[in-house]
C-alpha atoms as a PDB file:
ATOM      1  CA  MET A   1       0.402  -0.170   0.352  1.00  0.00           C
ATOM      2  CA  THR A   2       3.204   2.376   0.852  1.00  0.00           C
ATOM      3  CA  GLY A   3       4.423   1.520  -2.379  1.00  0.00           C
ATOM      4  CA  LEU A   4       0.794   2.638  -4.476  1.00  0.00           C
ATOM      5  CA  VAL A   5       1.066   5.751  -2.587  1.00  0.00           C
ATOM      6  CA  ALA A   6       4.180   6.634  -3.294  1.00  0.00           C
ATOM      7  CA  GLY A   7       3.409   6.080  -6.732  1.00  0.00           C
ATOM      8  CA  ALA A   8       0.451   8.618  -6.809  1.00  0.00           C
ATOM      9  CA  CYS A   9       3.181  11.333  -5.056  1.00  0.00           C
ATOM     10  CA  ALA A  10       5.164  10.838  -7.713  1.00  0.00           C
ATOM     11  CA  GLY A  11       2.649  11.125 -10.767  1.00  0.00           C
ATOM     12  CA  PHE A  12       1.030  14.117  -8.463  1.00  0.00           C
ATOM     13  CA  SER A  13       5.339  15.617  -8.585  1.00  0.00           C
ATOM     14  CA  ALA A  14       5.483  15.635 -11.563  1.00  0.00           C
ATOM     15  CA  VAL A  15       1.657  17.372 -12.482  1.00  0.00           C
ATOM     16  CA  LEU A  16       3.004  20.291 -10.488  1.00  0.00           C
ATOM     17  CA  LEU A  17       6.435  20.245 -12.255  1.00  0.00           C
ATOM     18  CA  ASP A  18       4.490  20.180 -15.105  1.00  0.00           C
ATOM     19  CA  ALA A  19       2.366  23.421 -14.147  1.00  0.00           C
ATOM     20  CA  VAL A  20       5.472  25.203 -12.738  1.00  0.00           C
ATOM     21  CA  ALA A  21       7.100  24.966 -16.622  1.00  0.00           C
ATOM     22  CA  ALA A  22       4.037  25.740 -18.269  1.00  0.00           C
ATOM     23  CA  ALA A  23       3.765  29.257 -16.098  1.00  0.00           C
ATOM     24  CA  TRP A  24       7.683  29.575 -16.603  1.00  0.00           C
ATOM     25  CA  GLN A  25       7.080  29.648 -20.610  1.00  0.00           C
ATOM     26  CA  THR A  26       3.959  30.964 -21.024  1.00  0.00           C
ATOM     27  CA  LEU A  27       4.427  33.721 -18.396  1.00  0.00           C
ATOM     28  CA  GLY A  28       8.254  34.480 -17.617  1.00  0.00           C
ATOM     29  CA  ARG A  29       9.203  36.391 -15.348  1.00  0.00           C
ATOM     30  CA  ASP A  30       6.014  37.028 -13.781  1.00  0.00           C
ATOM     31  CA  ALA A  31       5.446  33.548 -12.994  1.00  0.00           C
ATOM     32  CA  VAL A  32       6.264  34.225  -9.810  1.00  0.00           C
ATOM     33  CA  THR A  33       3.023  36.510  -8.821  1.00  0.00           C
ATOM     34  CA  ASP A  34       1.096  34.043 -11.178  1.00  0.00           C
ATOM     35  CA  PRO A  35      -0.872  32.422  -8.217  1.00  0.00           C
ATOM     36  CA  GLY A  36      -1.546  28.811  -9.832  1.00  0.00           C
ATOM     37  CA  ALA A  37       2.086  28.511 -10.628  1.00  0.00           C
ATOM     38  CA  VAL A  38       2.964  29.262  -7.211  1.00  0.00           C
ATOM     39  CA  VAL A  39       1.302  27.270  -5.051  1.00  0.00           C
ATOM     40  CA  ALA A  40       2.514  24.470  -7.514  1.00  0.00           C
ATOM     41  CA  ALA A  41       5.300  25.582  -6.545  1.00  0.00           C
ATOM     42  CA  LEU A  42       5.094  25.324  -2.409  1.00  0.00           C
ATOM     43  CA  LEU A  43       3.251  21.996  -3.059  1.00  0.00           C
ATOM     44  CA  LEU A  44       6.183  20.651  -5.537  1.00  0.00           C
ATOM     45  CA  VAL A  45       8.917  19.758  -2.513  1.00  0.00           C
ATOM     46  CA  PRO A  46       6.521  18.542   0.424  1.00  0.00           C
ATOM     47  CA  VAL A  47       3.817  16.194  -2.167  1.00  0.00           C
ATOM     48  CA  ALA A  48       8.309  15.340  -3.789  1.00  0.00           C
ATOM     49  CA  THR A  49       9.964  14.631  -0.968  1.00  0.00           C
ATOM     50  CA  ALA A  50       6.540  13.023   0.968  1.00  0.00           C
ATOM     51  CA  GLY A  51       6.925  10.304  -2.130  1.00  0.00           C
ATOM     52  CA  LEU A  52      10.299   9.963  -2.043  1.00  0.00           C
ATOM     53  CA  VAL A  53      10.272   9.024   2.426  1.00  0.00           C
ATOM     54  CA  LEU A  54       7.246   7.108   1.494  1.00  0.00           C
ATOM     55  CA  LEU A  55       8.895   5.060  -1.213  1.00  0.00           C
ATOM     56  CA  GLN A  56      11.978   4.735   0.984  1.00  0.00           C
ATOM     57  CA  SER A  57       9.366   3.398   3.743  1.00  0.00           C
ATOM     58  CA  ALA A  58       7.699   0.624   1.056  1.00  0.00           C
ATOM     59  CA  PHE A  59      10.962  -0.922   1.271  1.00  0.00           C
ATOM     60  CA  GLN A  60      11.801  -1.040   4.701  1.00  0.00           C
ATOM     61  CA  VAL A  61       8.982  -2.605   5.564  1.00  0.00           C
ATOM     62  CA  ASP A  62       7.984  -3.612   2.693  1.00  0.00           C
ATOM     63  CA  ALA A  63       9.839  -6.621   0.596  1.00  0.00           C
ATOM     64  CA  LEU A  64      11.008  -4.662  -3.182  1.00  0.00           C
ATOM     65  CA  GLY A  65       8.406  -7.402  -4.982  1.00  0.00           C
ATOM     66  CA  ALA A  66       5.294  -5.414  -3.134  1.00  0.00           C
ATOM     67  CA  SER A  67       6.312  -2.002  -3.233  1.00  0.00           C
ATOM     68  CA  TYR A  68       7.533  -1.426  -6.452  1.00  0.00           C
ATOM     69  CA  PRO A  69       5.111  -2.186  -8.638  1.00  0.00           C
ATOM     70  CA  ALA A  70       2.749  -0.501  -7.396  1.00  0.00           C
ATOM     71  CA  ASP A  71       5.125   2.132  -7.303  1.00  0.00           C
ATOM     72  CA  LEU A  72       5.879   1.730 -10.961  1.00  0.00           C
ATOM     73  CA  VAL A  73       1.817   1.300 -12.011  1.00  0.00           C
ATOM     74  CA  ALA A  74       0.531   4.161  -9.663  1.00  0.00           C
ATOM     75  CA  ASN A  75       3.387   6.878 -11.348  1.00  0.00           C
ATOM     76  CA  PRO A  76       2.070   7.029 -14.483  1.00  0.00           C
ATOM     77  CA  CYS A  77      -1.426   6.640 -14.075  1.00  0.00           C
ATOM     78  CA  THR A  78      -2.023   8.991 -11.675  1.00  0.00           C
ATOM     79  CA  ALA A  79       0.440  12.036 -13.560  1.00  0.00           C
ATOM     80  CA  VAL A  80      -2.229  11.000 -16.639  1.00  0.00           C
ATOM     81  CA  LEU A  81      -5.211  11.172 -15.244  1.00  0.00           C
ATOM     82  CA  LEU A  82      -3.970  14.232 -13.113  1.00  0.00           C
ATOM     83  CA  GLY A  83      -2.666  16.038 -16.154  1.00  0.00           C
ATOM     84  CA  ALA A  84      -5.720  15.360 -17.759  1.00  0.00           C
ATOM     85  CA  VAL A  85      -7.518  16.556 -14.720  1.00  0.00           C
ATOM     86  CA  LEU A  86      -6.675  19.727 -13.723  1.00  0.00           C
ATOM     87  CA  LEU A  87      -3.995  20.607 -16.833  1.00  0.00           C
ATOM     88  CA  HIS A  88      -6.535  20.121 -19.315  1.00  0.00           C
ATOM     89  CA  GLU A  89      -3.866  18.321 -20.411  1.00  0.00           C
ATOM     90  CA  ASP A  90      -5.228  16.862 -24.163  1.00  0.00           C
ATOM     91  CA  VAL A  91      -5.012  12.715 -24.127  1.00  0.00           C
ATOM     92  CA  PRO A  92      -5.777  11.732 -27.473  1.00  0.00           C
ATOM     93  CA  HIS A  93      -8.746   9.174 -26.605  1.00  0.00           C
ATOM     94  CA  SER A  94      -8.648   7.843 -30.681  1.00  0.00           C
ATOM     95  CA  ARG A  95     -10.000   3.683 -30.222  1.00  0.00           C
ATOM     96  CA  THR A  96      -7.136   3.041 -31.212  1.00  0.00           C
ATOM     97  CA  ASP A  97      -4.643   5.281 -29.058  1.00  0.00           C
ATOM     98  CA  LEU A  98      -6.559   4.024 -25.475  1.00  0.00           C
ATOM     99  CA  ALA A  99      -6.664   0.100 -26.543  1.00  0.00           C
ATOM    100  CA  LEU A 100      -2.611   1.275 -26.880  1.00  0.00           C
ATOM    101  CA  PHE A 101      -3.039   3.138 -23.541  1.00  0.00           C
ATOM    102  CA  VAL A 102      -4.251  -0.164 -21.569  1.00  0.00           C
ATOM    103  CA  ALA A 103      -2.553  -3.151 -23.748  1.00  0.00           C
ATOM    104  CA  CYS A 104       1.002  -0.493 -21.722  1.00  0.00           C
ATOM    105  CA  LEU A 105      -0.295  -0.274 -18.996  1.00  0.00           C
ATOM    106  CA  ALA A 106      -1.126  -4.529 -18.704  1.00  0.00           C
ATOM    107  CA  ALA A 107       2.459  -4.817 -20.432  1.00  0.00           C
ATOM    108  CA  ILE A 108       4.098  -2.592 -17.105  1.00  0.00           C
ATOM    109  CA  ALA A 109       1.669  -4.556 -14.719  1.00  0.00           C
ATOM    110  CA  PHE A 110       2.022  -7.011 -15.481  1.00  0.00           C
ATOM    111  CA  GLY A 111       6.266  -7.629 -15.850  1.00  0.00           C
ATOM    112  CA  ALA A 112       5.535  -5.335 -12.420  1.00  0.00           C
ATOM    113  CA  PHE A 113       4.357  -8.223 -10.532  1.00  0.00           C
ATOM    114  CA  SER A 114       5.791 -11.246 -12.898  1.00  0.00           C
ATOM    115  CA  LEU A 115       9.192  -9.998 -11.457  1.00  0.00           C
ATOM    116  CA  ALA A 116       7.656  -9.024  -7.919  1.00  0.00           C
ATOM    117  CA  THR A 117       6.110 -12.718  -7.238  1.00  0.00           C
ATOM    118  CA  ARG A 118       9.139 -14.659  -8.130  1.00  0.00           C
ATOM    119  CA  ARG A 119      11.767 -16.452  -5.648  1.00  0.00           C
ATOM    120  CA  PRO A 120      15.309 -16.569  -6.194  1.00  0.00           C
ATOM    121  CA  VAL A 121      16.550 -20.277  -6.213  1.00  0.00           C
ATOM    122  CA  ALA A 122      18.993 -21.685  -4.217  1.00  0.00           C
ATOM    123  CA  THR A 123      22.135 -23.214  -5.809  1.00  0.00           C
ATOM    124  CA  VAL A 124      24.119 -26.313  -3.888  1.00  0.00           C
ATOM    125  CA  ASP A 125      26.766 -23.124  -1.452  1.00  0.00           C
ATOM    126  CA  GLY A 126      22.973 -21.639  -0.479  1.00  0.00           C
ATOM    127  CA  ALA A 127      23.868 -18.680  -2.305  1.00  0.00           C
ATOM    128  CA  PRO A 128      20.557 -17.293  -4.464  1.00  0.00           C
ATOM    129  CA  THR A 129      20.635 -17.164  -7.120  1.00  0.00           C
ATOM    130  CA  ALA A 130      18.087 -15.115 -10.462  1.00  0.00           C
ATOM    131  CA  PRO A 131      16.326 -18.129 -12.322  1.00  0.00           C
END
């Protein structure tokens, strides 16, 4: 669960960074007085820090195989969803695009979770090796 929240924080950080960069590109130096850009910039540091702390906590509490796949899947999903909802970014939405998005997400999830559930095989001397 901690890995999932860490991935969501990382995705949210990406959206905040995109908002700050877009404001800077559009407004230039006036972005420092734009309320939306200031709020995004002020939220960026604590959200990114929380994401890193949560990810490290997830690695300490849970096995890497339990934490990392959840982080890996939650990060891009959160970034795309919040980018579309909060920043009104255009997400291609033809049937082909949506099918490709779903296929890519399924491939990421399958790969991450299959790697997470593999157990190392012990050799004669007892040292674990990858299968």
